Full PDB file with SEQRES, HELIX, SHEET, SSBOND, CRYST1, ORIGX, SCALE, CONECT and MASTER records, all heavy atoms in Angstrom:
SEQRES   1 A   42  ARG PHE THR ILE ALA ARG ASP ASN ALA LYS ASN THR VAL          
SEQRES   2 A   42  TYR LEU GLN MET SER SER LEU ASN SER GLU ASP THR ALA          
SEQRES   3 A   42  VAL TYR TYR CYS ARG LEU GLN ILE HIS GLY THR ASP ARG          
SEQRES   4 A   42  TRP GLY GLN                                                  
HELIX    1 AA1 ASN A    8  LYS A   10  5                                   3    
HELIX    2 AA2 SER A   22  ASP A   24  5                                   3    
SHEET    1 AA1 2 PHE A   2  ASP A   7  0                                        
SHEET    2 AA1 2 THR A  12  MET A  17 -1                                        
SHEET    1 AA2 2 ARG A  31  ILE A  34  0                                        
SHEET    2 AA2 2 THR A  37  TRP A  40 -1                                        
CRYST1    1.000    1.000    1.000  90.00  90.00  90.00 P 1           1          
ORIGX1      1.000000  0.000000  0.000000        0.00000                         
ORIGX2      0.000000  1.000000  0.000000        0.00000                         
ORIGX3      0.000000  0.000000  1.000000        0.00000                         
SCALE1      1.000000  0.000000  0.000000        0.00000                         
SCALE2      0.000000  1.000000  0.000000        0.00000                         
SCALE3      0.000000  0.000000  1.000000        0.00000                         
ATOM      1  N   ARG A   1      21.991  -4.085  73.731  1.00  0.00           N  
ATOM      2  CA  ARG A   1      21.529  -5.496  73.678  1.00  0.00           C  
ATOM      3  C   ARG A   1      22.187  -6.277  72.546  1.00  0.00           C  
ATOM      4  O   ARG A   1      22.407  -7.480  72.677  1.00  0.00           O  
ATOM      5  CB  ARG A   1      20.015  -5.540  73.483  1.00  0.00           C  
ATOM      6  CG  ARG A   1      19.221  -4.861  74.578  1.00  0.00           C  
ATOM      7  CD  ARG A   1      17.723  -5.146  74.419  1.00  0.00           C  
ATOM      8  NE  ARG A   1      17.180  -4.647  73.161  1.00  0.00           N  
ATOM      9  CZ  ARG A   1      16.563  -5.413  72.246  1.00  0.00           C  
ATOM     10  NH1 ARG A   1      16.426  -6.712  72.468  1.00  0.00           N  
ATOM     11  NH2 ARG A   1      16.085  -4.882  71.133  1.00  0.00           N  
ATOM     12  N   PHE A   2      22.480  -5.606  71.454  1.00  0.00           N  
ATOM     13  CA  PHE A   2      23.058  -6.260  70.280  1.00  0.00           C  
ATOM     14  C   PHE A   2      24.489  -5.770  70.080  1.00  0.00           C  
ATOM     15  O   PHE A   2      24.806  -4.612  70.378  1.00  0.00           O  
ATOM     16  CB  PHE A   2      22.267  -5.919  69.020  1.00  0.00           C  
ATOM     17  CG  PHE A   2      20.887  -6.527  68.941  1.00  0.00           C  
ATOM     18  CD1 PHE A   2      20.290  -7.139  70.031  1.00  0.00           C  
ATOM     19  CD2 PHE A   2      20.181  -6.472  67.737  1.00  0.00           C  
ATOM     20  CE1 PHE A   2      19.024  -7.683  69.947  1.00  0.00           C  
ATOM     21  CE2 PHE A   2      18.910  -7.010  67.629  1.00  0.00           C  
ATOM     22  CZ  PHE A   2      18.330  -7.609  68.736  1.00  0.00           C  
ATOM     23  N   THR A   3      25.330  -6.659  69.554  1.00  0.00           N  
ATOM     24  CA  THR A   3      26.713  -6.305  69.230  1.00  0.00           C  
ATOM     25  C   THR A   3      27.057  -6.828  67.856  1.00  0.00           C  
ATOM     26  O   THR A   3      26.864  -8.017  67.573  1.00  0.00           O  
ATOM     27  CB  THR A   3      27.685  -6.887  70.265  1.00  0.00           C  
ATOM     28  OG1 THR A   3      27.355  -6.413  71.573  1.00  0.00           O  
ATOM     29  CG2 THR A   3      29.116  -6.488  69.936  1.00  0.00           C  
ATOM     30  N   ILE A   4      27.561  -5.942  67.007  1.00  0.00           N  
ATOM     31  CA  ILE A   4      28.019  -6.337  65.683  1.00  0.00           C  
ATOM     32  C   ILE A   4      29.540  -6.440  65.719  1.00  0.00           C  
ATOM     33  O   ILE A   4      30.219  -5.626  66.355  1.00  0.00           O  
ATOM     34  CB  ILE A   4      27.547  -5.341  64.599  1.00  0.00           C  
ATOM     35  CG1 ILE A   4      27.835  -5.872  63.199  1.00  0.00           C  
ATOM     36  CG2 ILE A   4      28.141  -3.948  64.809  1.00  0.00           C  
ATOM     37  CD1 ILE A   4      27.181  -5.051  62.090  1.00  0.00           C  
ATOM     38  N   ALA A   5      30.063  -7.462  65.039  1.00  0.00           N  
ATOM     39  CA  ALA A   5      31.507  -7.668  64.994  1.00  0.00           C  
ATOM     40  C   ALA A   5      31.866  -8.321  63.671  1.00  0.00           C  
ATOM     41  O   ALA A   5      30.995  -8.913  63.013  1.00  0.00           O  
ATOM     42  CB  ALA A   5      31.955  -8.547  66.164  1.00  0.00           C  
ATOM     43  N   ARG A   6      33.123  -8.225  63.310  1.00  0.00           N  
ATOM     44  CA  ARG A   6      33.541  -8.813  62.038  1.00  0.00           C  
ATOM     45  C   ARG A   6      34.849  -9.568  62.214  1.00  0.00           C  
ATOM     46  O   ARG A   6      35.673  -9.224  63.077  1.00  0.00           O  
ATOM     47  CB  ARG A   6      33.674  -7.744  60.956  1.00  0.00           C  
ATOM     48  CG  ARG A   6      34.773  -6.735  61.179  1.00  0.00           C  
ATOM     49  CD  ARG A   6      34.647  -5.568  60.179  1.00  0.00           C  
ATOM     50  NE  ARG A   6      34.765  -6.026  58.793  1.00  0.00           N  
ATOM     51  CZ  ARG A   6      34.272  -5.359  57.751  1.00  0.00           C  
ATOM     52  NH1 ARG A   6      33.617  -4.210  57.940  1.00  0.00           N  
ATOM     53  NH2 ARG A   6      34.446  -5.817  56.522  1.00  0.00           N  
ATOM     54  N   ASP A   7      35.019 -10.583  61.367  1.00  0.00           N  
ATOM     55  CA  ASP A   7      36.253 -11.357  61.311  1.00  0.00           C  
ATOM     56  C   ASP A   7      36.681 -11.380  59.850  1.00  0.00           C  
ATOM     57  O   ASP A   7      36.153 -12.159  59.051  1.00  0.00           O  
ATOM     58  CB  ASP A   7      36.018 -12.776  61.847  1.00  0.00           C  
ATOM     59  CG  ASP A   7      37.295 -13.590  61.918  1.00  0.00           C  
ATOM     60  OD1 ASP A   7      38.275 -13.250  61.236  1.00  0.00           O  
ATOM     61  OD2 ASP A   7      37.309 -14.588  62.651  1.00  0.00           O  
ATOM     62  N   ASN A   8      37.605 -10.513  59.496  1.00  0.00           N  
ATOM     63  CA  ASN A   8      38.019 -10.402  58.099  1.00  0.00           C  
ATOM     64  C   ASN A   8      38.724 -11.664  57.597  1.00  0.00           C  
ATOM     65  O   ASN A   8      38.689 -11.954  56.400  1.00  0.00           O  
ATOM     66  CB  ASN A   8      38.920  -9.188  57.915  1.00  0.00           C  
ATOM     67  CG  ASN A   8      38.162  -7.878  58.030  1.00  0.00           C  
ATOM     68  OD1 ASN A   8      36.935  -7.837  57.897  1.00  0.00           O  
ATOM     69  ND2 ASN A   8      38.877  -6.804  58.309  1.00  0.00           N  
ATOM     70  N   ALA A   9      39.347 -12.399  58.488  1.00  0.00           N  
ATOM     71  CA  ALA A   9      40.013 -13.633  58.071  1.00  0.00           C  
ATOM     72  C   ALA A   9      39.001 -14.680  57.599  1.00  0.00           C  
ATOM     73  O   ALA A   9      39.340 -15.559  56.797  1.00  0.00           O  
ATOM     74  CB  ALA A   9      40.840 -14.193  59.217  1.00  0.00           C  
ATOM     75  N   LYS A  10      37.772 -14.560  58.104  1.00  0.00           N  
ATOM     76  CA  LYS A  10      36.724 -15.517  57.731  1.00  0.00           C  
ATOM     77  C   LYS A  10      35.659 -14.895  56.832  1.00  0.00           C  
ATOM     78  O   LYS A  10      34.668 -15.557  56.515  1.00  0.00           O  
ATOM     79  CB  LYS A  10      36.042 -16.057  59.001  1.00  0.00           C  
ATOM     80  CG  LYS A  10      36.961 -16.863  59.900  1.00  0.00           C  
ATOM     81  CD  LYS A  10      36.224 -17.398  61.113  1.00  0.00           C  
ATOM     82  CE  LYS A  10      37.144 -18.237  61.989  1.00  0.00           C  
ATOM     83  NZ  LYS A  10      36.434 -18.769  63.187  1.00  0.00           N  
ATOM     84  N   ASN A  11      35.865 -13.637  56.432  1.00  0.00           N  
ATOM     85  CA  ASN A  11      34.864 -12.925  55.611  1.00  0.00           C  
ATOM     86  C   ASN A  11      33.477 -12.997  56.236  1.00  0.00           C  
ATOM     87  O   ASN A  11      32.464 -13.160  55.541  1.00  0.00           O  
ATOM     88  CB  ASN A  11      34.808 -13.509  54.189  1.00  0.00           C  
ATOM     89  CG  ASN A  11      36.020 -13.179  53.358  1.00  0.00           C  
ATOM     90  OD1 ASN A  11      36.844 -12.346  53.738  1.00  0.00           O  
ATOM     91  ND2 ASN A  11      36.151 -13.820  52.215  1.00  0.00           N  
ATOM     92  N   THR A  12      33.428 -12.850  57.542  1.00  0.00           N  
ATOM     93  CA  THR A  12      32.185 -13.057  58.273  1.00  0.00           C  
ATOM     94  C   THR A  12      31.893 -11.896  59.214  1.00  0.00           C  
ATOM     95  O   THR A  12      32.804 -11.395  59.889  1.00  0.00           O  
ATOM     96  CB  THR A  12      32.234 -14.373  59.067  1.00  0.00           C  
ATOM     97  OG1 THR A  12      32.417 -15.464  58.164  1.00  0.00           O  
ATOM     98  CG2 THR A  12      30.944 -14.597  59.849  1.00  0.00           C  
ATOM     99  N   VAL A  13      30.627 -11.511  59.237  1.00  0.00           N  
ATOM    100  CA  VAL A  13      30.143 -10.523  60.190  1.00  0.00           C  
ATOM    101  C   VAL A  13      29.123 -11.202  61.090  1.00  0.00           C  
ATOM    102  O   VAL A  13      28.379 -12.087  60.649  1.00  0.00           O  
ATOM    103  CB  VAL A  13      29.531  -9.291  59.468  1.00  0.00           C  
ATOM    104  CG1 VAL A  13      28.339  -9.672  58.608  1.00  0.00           C  
ATOM    105  CG2 VAL A  13      29.169  -8.203  60.461  1.00  0.00           C  
ATOM    106  N   TYR A  14      29.134 -10.813  62.342  1.00  0.00           N  
ATOM    107  CA  TYR A  14      28.266 -11.422  63.338  1.00  0.00           C  
ATOM    108  C   TYR A  14      27.329 -10.380  63.952  1.00  0.00           C  
ATOM    109  O   TYR A  14      27.648  -9.191  63.994  1.00  0.00           O  
ATOM    110  CB  TYR A  14      29.103 -12.047  64.461  1.00  0.00           C  
ATOM    111  CG  TYR A  14      30.112 -13.047  64.002  1.00  0.00           C  
ATOM    112  CD1 TYR A  14      31.445 -12.670  63.800  1.00  0.00           C  
ATOM    113  CD2 TYR A  14      29.752 -14.360  63.753  1.00  0.00           C  
ATOM    114  CE1 TYR A  14      32.390 -13.585  63.370  1.00  0.00           C  
ATOM    115  CE2 TYR A  14      30.691 -15.284  63.328  1.00  0.00           C  
ATOM    116  CZ  TYR A  14      32.001 -14.895  63.139  1.00  0.00           C  
ATOM    117  OH  TYR A  14      32.928 -15.808  62.712  1.00  0.00           O  
ATOM    118  N   LEU A  15      26.211 -10.868  64.430  1.00  0.00           N  
ATOM    119  CA  LEU A  15      25.325 -10.029  65.227  1.00  0.00           C  
ATOM    120  C   LEU A  15      24.950 -10.839  66.462  1.00  0.00           C  
ATOM    121  O   LEU A  15      24.201 -11.814  66.367  1.00  0.00           O  
ATOM    122  CB  LEU A  15      24.065  -9.631  64.454  1.00  0.00           C  
ATOM    123  CG  LEU A  15      23.145  -8.663  65.196  1.00  0.00           C  
ATOM    124  CD1 LEU A  15      23.828  -7.286  65.323  1.00  0.00           C  
ATOM    125  CD2 LEU A  15      21.804  -8.516  64.485  1.00  0.00           C  
ATOM    126  N   GLN A  16      25.521 -10.461  67.578  1.00  0.00           N  
ATOM    127  CA  GLN A  16      25.189 -11.100  68.852  1.00  0.00           C  
ATOM    128  C   GLN A  16      24.004 -10.365  69.443  1.00  0.00           C  
ATOM    129  O   GLN A  16      24.066  -9.151  69.677  1.00  0.00           O  
ATOM    130  CB  GLN A  16      26.370 -11.036  69.813  1.00  0.00           C  
ATOM    131  CG  GLN A  16      26.093 -11.656  71.175  1.00  0.00           C  
ATOM    132  CD  GLN A  16      25.888 -13.154  71.097  1.00  0.00           C  
ATOM    133  OE1 GLN A  16      26.676 -13.870  70.474  1.00  0.00           O  
ATOM    134  NE2 GLN A  16      24.823 -13.638  71.728  1.00  0.00           N  
ATOM    135  N   MET A  17      22.915 -11.093  69.671  1.00  0.00           N  
ATOM    136  CA  MET A  17      21.684 -10.504  70.166  1.00  0.00           C  
ATOM    137  C   MET A  17      21.360 -11.081  71.531  1.00  0.00           C  
ATOM    138  O   MET A  17      21.351 -12.306  71.699  1.00  0.00           O  
ATOM    139  CB  MET A  17      20.536 -10.783  69.192  1.00  0.00           C  
ATOM    140  CG  MET A  17      20.822 -10.357  67.763  1.00  0.00           C  
ATOM    141  SD  MET A  17      19.415 -10.601  66.658  1.00  0.00           S  
ATOM    142  CE  MET A  17      19.324 -12.391  66.628  1.00  0.00           C  
ATOM    143  N   SER A  18      21.089 -10.221  72.482  1.00  0.00           N  
ATOM    144  CA  SER A  18      20.722 -10.676  73.816  1.00  0.00           C  
ATOM    145  C   SER A  18      19.506  -9.899  74.303  1.00  0.00           C  
ATOM    146  O   SER A  18      19.100  -8.913  73.689  1.00  0.00           O  
ATOM    147  CB  SER A  18      21.889 -10.519  74.789  1.00  0.00           C  
ATOM    148  OG  SER A  18      22.292  -9.163  74.866  1.00  0.00           O  
ATOM    149  N   SER A  19      18.946 -10.350  75.400  1.00  0.00           N  
ATOM    150  CA  SER A  19      17.733  -9.745  75.968  1.00  0.00           C  
ATOM    151  C   SER A  19      16.670  -9.550  74.895  1.00  0.00           C  
ATOM    152  O   SER A  19      16.049  -8.491  74.786  1.00  0.00           O  
ATOM    153  CB  SER A  19      18.072  -8.406  76.634  1.00  0.00           C  
ATOM    154  OG  SER A  19      19.012  -8.574  77.669  1.00  0.00           O  
ATOM    155  N   LEU A  20      16.471 -10.585  74.114  1.00  0.00           N  
ATOM    156  CA  LEU A  20      15.529 -10.498  72.995  1.00  0.00           C  
ATOM    157  C   LEU A  20      14.098 -10.373  73.500  1.00  0.00           C  
ATOM    158  O   LEU A  20      13.723 -10.941  74.537  1.00  0.00           O  
ATOM    159  CB  LEU A  20      15.671 -11.718  72.096  1.00  0.00           C  
ATOM    160  CG  LEU A  20      16.957 -11.734  71.250  1.00  0.00           C  
ATOM    161  CD1 LEU A  20      17.266 -13.138  70.743  1.00  0.00           C  
ATOM    162  CD2 LEU A  20      16.813 -10.769  70.080  1.00  0.00           C  
ATOM    163  N   ASN A  21      13.313  -9.627  72.757  1.00  0.00           N  
ATOM    164  CA  ASN A  21      11.890  -9.492  73.060  1.00  0.00           C  
ATOM    165  C   ASN A  21      11.082  -9.661  71.776  1.00  0.00           C  
ATOM    166  O   ASN A  21      11.639  -9.761  70.679  1.00  0.00           O  
ATOM    167  CB  ASN A  21      11.610  -8.159  73.751  1.00  0.00           C  
ATOM    168  CG  ASN A  21      12.021  -6.969  72.903  1.00  0.00           C  
ATOM    169  OD1 ASN A  21      11.507  -6.762  71.813  1.00  0.00           O  
ATOM    170  ND2 ASN A  21      12.951  -6.164  73.413  1.00  0.00           N  
ATOM    171  N   SER A  22       9.778  -9.665  71.918  1.00  0.00           N  
ATOM    172  CA  SER A  22       8.909  -9.961  70.774  1.00  0.00           C  
ATOM    173  C   SER A  22       9.069  -8.949  69.643  1.00  0.00           C  
ATOM    174  O   SER A  22       8.841  -9.282  68.477  1.00  0.00           O  
ATOM    175  CB  SER A  22       7.451 -10.015  71.228  1.00  0.00           C  
ATOM    176  OG  SER A  22       7.066  -8.780  71.814  1.00  0.00           O  
ATOM    177  N   GLU A  23       9.459  -7.740  69.985  1.00  0.00           N  
ATOM    178  CA  GLU A  23       9.635  -6.715  68.952  1.00  0.00           C  
ATOM    179  C   GLU A  23      10.876  -6.966  68.097  1.00  0.00           C  
ATOM    180  O   GLU A  23      11.055  -6.308  67.070  1.00  0.00           O  
ATOM    181  CB  GLU A  23       9.707  -5.329  69.593  1.00  0.00           C  
ATOM    182  CG  GLU A  23       8.400  -4.907  70.255  1.00  0.00           C  
ATOM    183  CD  GLU A  23       8.451  -3.492  70.799  1.00  0.00           C  
ATOM    184  OE1 GLU A  23       9.544  -2.906  70.832  1.00  0.00           O  
ATOM    185  OE2 GLU A  23       7.383  -2.971  71.187  1.00  0.00           O  
ATOM    186  N   ASP A  24      11.709  -7.908  68.490  1.00  0.00           N  
ATOM    187  CA  ASP A  24      12.879  -8.258  67.691  1.00  0.00           C  
ATOM    188  C   ASP A  24      12.549  -9.327  66.645  1.00  0.00           C  
ATOM    189  O   ASP A  24      13.410  -9.674  65.828  1.00  0.00           O  
ATOM    190  CB  ASP A  24      14.005  -8.770  68.594  1.00  0.00           C  
ATOM    191  CG  ASP A  24      14.503  -7.713  69.567  1.00  0.00           C  
ATOM    192  OD1 ASP A  24      14.678  -6.551  69.137  1.00  0.00           O  
ATOM    193  OD2 ASP A  24      14.711  -8.048  70.745  1.00  0.00           O  
ATOM    194  N   THR A  25      11.344  -9.847  66.678  1.00  0.00           N  
ATOM    195  CA  THR A  25      10.931 -10.850  65.698  1.00  0.00           C  
ATOM    196  C   THR A  25      10.913 -10.228  64.307  1.00  0.00           C  
ATOM    197  O   THR A  25      10.248  -9.217  64.074  1.00  0.00           O  
ATOM    198  CB  THR A  25       9.546 -11.407  66.045  1.00  0.00           C  
ATOM    199  OG1 THR A  25       9.637 -12.140  67.274  1.00  0.00           O  
ATOM    200  CG2 THR A  25       9.035 -12.318  64.944  1.00  0.00           C  
ATOM    201  N   ALA A  26      11.654 -10.831  63.388  1.00  0.00           N  
ATOM    202  CA  ALA A  26      11.781 -10.287  62.041  1.00  0.00           C  
ATOM    203  C   ALA A  26      12.658 -11.214  61.206  1.00  0.00           C  
ATOM    204  O   ALA A  26      13.286 -12.133  61.736  1.00  0.00           O  
ATOM    205  CB  ALA A  26      12.403  -8.893  62.079  1.00  0.00           C  
ATOM    206  N   VAL A  27      12.682 -10.925  59.915  1.00  0.00           N  
ATOM    207  CA  VAL A  27      13.703 -11.529  59.060  1.00  0.00           C  
ATOM    208  C   VAL A  27      14.902 -10.586  59.090  1.00  0.00           C  
ATOM    209  O   VAL A  27      14.761  -9.382  58.855  1.00  0.00           O  
ATOM    210  CB  VAL A  27      13.204 -11.726  57.626  1.00  0.00           C  
ATOM    211  CG1 VAL A  27      14.311 -12.302  56.752  1.00  0.00           C  
ATOM    212  CG2 VAL A  27      11.986 -12.636  57.607  1.00  0.00           C  
ATOM    213  N   TYR A  28      16.060 -11.135  59.383  1.00  0.00           N  
ATOM    214  CA  TYR A  28      17.291 -10.358  59.486  1.00  0.00           C  
ATOM    215  C   TYR A  28      18.122 -10.557  58.221  1.00  0.00           C  
ATOM    216  O   TYR A  28      18.365 -11.692  57.801  1.00  0.00           O  
ATOM    217  CB  TYR A  28      18.074 -10.775  60.720  1.00  0.00           C  
ATOM    218  CG  TYR A  28      17.482 -10.234  61.992  1.00  0.00           C  
ATOM    219  CD1 TYR A  28      16.277 -10.719  62.482  1.00  0.00           C  
ATOM    220  CD2 TYR A  28      18.106  -9.203  62.696  1.00  0.00           C  
ATOM    221  CE1 TYR A  28      15.706 -10.202  63.640  1.00  0.00           C  
ATOM    222  CE2 TYR A  28      17.561  -8.682  63.853  1.00  0.00           C  
ATOM    223  CZ  TYR A  28      16.361  -9.187  64.315  1.00  0.00           C  
ATOM    224  OH  TYR A  28      15.790  -8.665  65.468  1.00  0.00           O  
ATOM    225  N   TYR A  29      18.557  -9.431  57.652  1.00  0.00           N  
ATOM    226  CA  TYR A  29      19.310  -9.435  56.411  1.00  0.00           C  
ATOM    227  C   TYR A  29      20.700  -8.854  56.627  1.00  0.00           C  
ATOM    228  O   TYR A  29      20.874  -7.843  57.324  1.00  0.00           O  
ATOM    229  CB  TYR A  29      18.604  -8.604  55.345  1.00  0.00           C  
ATOM    230  CG  TYR A  29      17.249  -9.122  54.935  1.00  0.00           C  
ATOM    231  CD1 TYR A  29      16.098  -8.695  55.582  1.00  0.00           C  
ATOM    232  CD2 TYR A  29      17.130 -10.023  53.878  1.00  0.00           C  
ATOM    233  CE1 TYR A  29      14.853  -9.164  55.200  1.00  0.00           C  
ATOM    234  CE2 TYR A  29      15.884 -10.493  53.484  1.00  0.00           C  
ATOM    235  CZ  TYR A  29      14.754 -10.063  54.154  1.00  0.00           C  
ATOM    236  OH  TYR A  29      13.517 -10.523  53.774  1.00  0.00           O  
ATOM    237  N   CYS A  30      21.648  -9.434  55.967  1.00  0.00           N  
ATOM    238  CA  CYS A  30      23.015  -8.947  55.946  1.00  0.00           C  
ATOM    239  C   CYS A  30      23.201  -8.108  54.681  1.00  0.00           C  
ATOM    240  O   CYS A  30      22.626  -8.428  53.632  1.00  0.00           O  
ATOM    241  CB  CYS A  30      23.949 -10.156  55.933  1.00  0.00           C  
ATOM    242  SG  CYS A  30      25.680  -9.808  55.734  1.00  0.00           S  
ATOM    243  N   ARG A  31      23.992  -7.066  54.785  1.00  0.00           N  
ATOM    244  CA  ARG A  31      24.236  -6.180  53.646  1.00  0.00           C  
ATOM    245  C   ARG A  31      25.714  -5.850  53.559  1.00  0.00           C  
ATOM    246  O   ARG A  31      26.362  -5.558  54.568  1.00  0.00           O  
ATOM    247  CB  ARG A  31      23.431  -4.892  53.790  1.00  0.00           C  
ATOM    248  CG  ARG A  31      23.523  -3.950  52.604  1.00  0.00           C  
ATOM    249  CD  ARG A  31      22.728  -2.675  52.891  1.00  0.00           C  
ATOM    250  NE  ARG A  31      22.582  -1.833  51.704  1.00  0.00           N  
ATOM    251  CZ  ARG A  31      22.009  -0.623  51.721  1.00  0.00           C  
ATOM    252  NH1 ARG A  31      21.523  -0.127  52.849  1.00  0.00           N  
ATOM    253  NH2 ARG A  31      21.919   0.077  50.603  1.00  0.00           N  
ATOM    254  N   LEU A  32      26.234  -5.850  52.338  1.00  0.00           N  
ATOM    255  CA  LEU A  32      27.619  -5.469  52.063  1.00  0.00           C  
ATOM    256  C   LEU A  32      27.605  -4.246  51.171  1.00  0.00           C  
ATOM    257  O   LEU A  32      26.932  -4.248  50.123  1.00  0.00           O  
ATOM    258  CB  LEU A  32      28.365  -6.624  51.387  1.00  0.00           C  
ATOM    259  CG  LEU A  32      29.819  -6.402  50.995  1.00  0.00           C  
ATOM    260  CD1 LEU A  32      30.578  -7.726  51.061  1.00  0.00           C  
ATOM    261  CD2 LEU A  32      29.962  -5.783  49.606  1.00  0.00           C  
ATOM    262  N   GLN A  33      28.345  -3.228  51.569  1.00  0.00           N  
ATOM    263  CA  GLN A  33      28.403  -2.002  50.781  1.00  0.00           C  
ATOM    264  C   GLN A  33      29.841  -1.547  50.601  1.00  0.00           C  
ATOM    265  O   GLN A  33      30.615  -1.470  51.550  1.00  0.00           O  
ATOM    266  CB  GLN A  33      27.628  -0.880  51.484  1.00  0.00           C  
ATOM    267  CG  GLN A  33      26.124  -1.082  51.532  1.00  0.00           C  
ATOM    268  CD  GLN A  33      25.451   0.054  52.284  1.00  0.00           C  
ATOM    269  OE1 GLN A  33      25.429   0.096  53.512  1.00  0.00           O  
ATOM    270  NE2 GLN A  33      24.897   0.995  51.534  1.00  0.00           N  
ATOM    271  N   ILE A  34      30.165  -1.249  49.335  1.00  0.00           N  
ATOM    272  CA  ILE A  34      31.402  -0.593  48.992  1.00  0.00           C  
ATOM    273  C   ILE A  34      31.135   0.097  47.675  1.00  0.00           C  
ATOM    274  O   ILE A  34      30.312  -0.373  46.901  1.00  0.00           O  
ATOM    275  CB  ILE A  34      32.585  -1.580  48.926  1.00  0.00           C  
ATOM    276  CG1 ILE A  34      33.894  -0.821  48.726  1.00  0.00           C  
ATOM    277  CG2 ILE A  34      32.367  -2.644  47.878  1.00  0.00           C  
ATOM    278  CD1 ILE A  34      35.131  -1.679  48.869  1.00  0.00           C  
ATOM    279  N   HIS A  35      31.810   1.180  47.387  1.00  0.00           N  
ATOM    280  CA  HIS A  35      31.472   1.964  46.203  1.00  0.00           C  
ATOM    281  C   HIS A  35      31.289   1.076  44.979  1.00  0.00           C  
ATOM    282  O   HIS A  35      32.150   0.286  44.613  1.00  0.00           O  
ATOM    283  CB  HIS A  35      32.544   3.026  45.942  1.00  0.00           C  
ATOM    284  CG  HIS A  35      33.942   2.519  46.022  1.00  0.00           C  
ATOM    285  ND1 HIS A  35      34.551   1.818  45.020  1.00  0.00           N  
ATOM    286  CD2 HIS A  35      34.866   2.635  47.000  1.00  0.00           C  
ATOM    287  CE1 HIS A  35      35.770   1.519  45.378  1.00  0.00           C  
ATOM    288  NE2 HIS A  35      35.986   2.007  46.571  1.00  0.00           N  
ATOM    289  N   GLY A  36      30.099   1.176  44.386  1.00  0.00           N  
ATOM    290  CA  GLY A  36      29.771   0.403  43.198  1.00  0.00           C  
ATOM    291  C   GLY A  36      29.173  -0.954  43.470  1.00  0.00           C  
ATOM    292  O   GLY A  36      28.740  -1.642  42.546  1.00  0.00           O  
ATOM    293  N   THR A  37      29.153  -1.353  44.738  1.00  0.00           N  
ATOM    294  CA  THR A  37      28.625  -2.666  45.086  1.00  0.00           C  
ATOM    295  C   THR A  37      27.707  -2.551  46.288  1.00  0.00           C  
ATOM    296  O   THR A  37      28.077  -1.947  47.295  1.00  0.00           O  
ATOM    297  CB  THR A  37      29.762  -3.649  45.407  1.00  0.00           C  
ATOM    298  OG1 THR A  37      30.607  -3.802  44.265  1.00  0.00           O  
ATOM    299  CG2 THR A  37      29.204  -5.021  45.793  1.00  0.00           C  
ATOM    300  N   ASP A  38      26.528  -3.150  46.168  1.00  0.00           N  
ATOM    301  CA  ASP A  38      25.555  -3.170  47.253  1.00  0.00           C  
ATOM    302  C   ASP A  38      24.842  -4.517  47.179  1.00  0.00           C  
ATOM    303  O   ASP A  38      24.069  -4.756  46.264  1.00  0.00           O  
ATOM    304  CB  ASP A  38      24.563  -2.015  47.105  1.00  0.00           C  
ATOM    305  CG  ASP A  38      23.649  -1.865  48.307  1.00  0.00           C  
ATOM    306  OD1 ASP A  38      23.652  -2.757  49.185  1.00  0.00           O  
ATOM    307  OD2 ASP A  38      22.919  -0.860  48.379  1.00  0.00           O  
ATOM    308  N   ARG A  39      25.139  -5.400  48.105  1.00  0.00           N  
ATOM    309  CA  ARG A  39      24.602  -6.761  48.086  1.00  0.00           C  
ATOM    310  C   ARG A  39      23.863  -7.087  49.378  1.00  0.00           C  
ATOM    311  O   ARG A  39      24.256  -6.643  50.452  1.00  0.00           O  
ATOM    312  CB  ARG A  39      25.727  -7.783  47.895  1.00  0.00           C  
ATOM    313  CG  ARG A  39      26.435  -7.698  46.574  1.00  0.00           C  
ATOM    314  CD  ARG A  39      25.607  -8.272  45.434  1.00  0.00           C  
ATOM    315  NE  ARG A  39      26.342  -8.214  44.177  1.00  0.00           N  
ATOM    316  CZ  ARG A  39      26.260  -7.203  43.315  1.00  0.00           C  
ATOM    317  NH1 ARG A  39      25.474  -6.176  43.573  1.00  0.00           N  
ATOM    318  NH2 ARG A  39      26.959  -7.237  42.200  1.00  0.00           N  
ATOM    319  N   TRP A  40      22.803  -7.891  49.207  1.00  0.00           N  
ATOM    320  CA  TRP A  40      22.002  -8.350  50.335  1.00  0.00           C  
ATOM    321  C   TRP A  40      22.032  -9.873  50.405  1.00  0.00           C  
ATOM    322  O   TRP A  40      22.088 -10.559  49.379  1.00  0.00           O  
ATOM    323  CB  TRP A  40      20.552  -7.907  50.189  1.00  0.00           C  
ATOM    324  CG  TRP A  40      20.340  -6.440  50.298  1.00  0.00           C  
ATOM    325  CD1 TRP A  40      20.442  -5.524  49.284  1.00  0.00           C  
ATOM    326  CD2 TRP A  40      19.974  -5.703  51.466  1.00  0.00           C  
ATOM    327  NE1 TRP A  40      20.157  -4.266  49.762  1.00  0.00           N  
ATOM    328  CE2 TRP A  40      19.871  -4.341  51.099  1.00  0.00           C  
ATOM    329  CE3 TRP A  40      19.719  -6.051  52.790  1.00  0.00           C  
ATOM    330  CZ2 TRP A  40      19.524  -3.338  52.010  1.00  0.00           C  
ATOM    331  CZ3 TRP A  40      19.379  -5.062  53.690  1.00  0.00           C  
ATOM    332  CH2 TRP A  40      19.289  -3.722  53.304  1.00  0.00           C  
ATOM    333  N   GLY A  41      21.964 -10.386  51.606  1.00  0.00           N  
ATOM    334  CA  GLY A  41      21.782 -11.803  51.797  1.00  0.00           C  
ATOM    335  C   GLY A  41      20.320 -12.177  51.646  1.00  0.00           C  
ATOM    336  O   GLY A  41      19.458 -11.327  51.434  1.00  0.00           O  
ATOM    337  N   GLN A  42      20.048 -13.464  51.790  1.00  0.00           N  
ATOM    338  CA  GLN A  42      18.693 -13.964  51.570  1.00  0.00           C  
ATOM    339  C   GLN A  42      17.810 -13.799  52.801  1.00  0.00           C  
ATOM    340  O   GLN A  42      16.588 -13.939  52.717  1.00  0.00           O  
ATOM    341  CB  GLN A  42      18.730 -15.447  51.159  1.00  0.00           C  
ATOM    342  CG  GLN A  42      18.873 -16.445  52.306  1.00  0.00           C  
ATOM    343  CD  GLN A  42      20.263 -16.491  52.908  1.00  0.00           C  
ATOM    344  OE1 GLN A  42      21.197 -15.850  52.422  1.00  0.00           O  
ATOM    345  NE2 GLN A  42      20.407 -17.253  53.982  1.00  0.00           N  
TER     346      GLN A  42                                                      
MASTER        0    0    0    2    4    0    0    6  345    1    0    4          
END                                                                             
């Protein structure tokens, strides 16, 4: 139902969500991980 993809030229990651249902209701957070760095979006 969901597809994650990235565009390095735009420094952007996407989450395409389809066939959504009530159990998908939530706050969605983005996370970046590389050795020594772990960051979350708002």
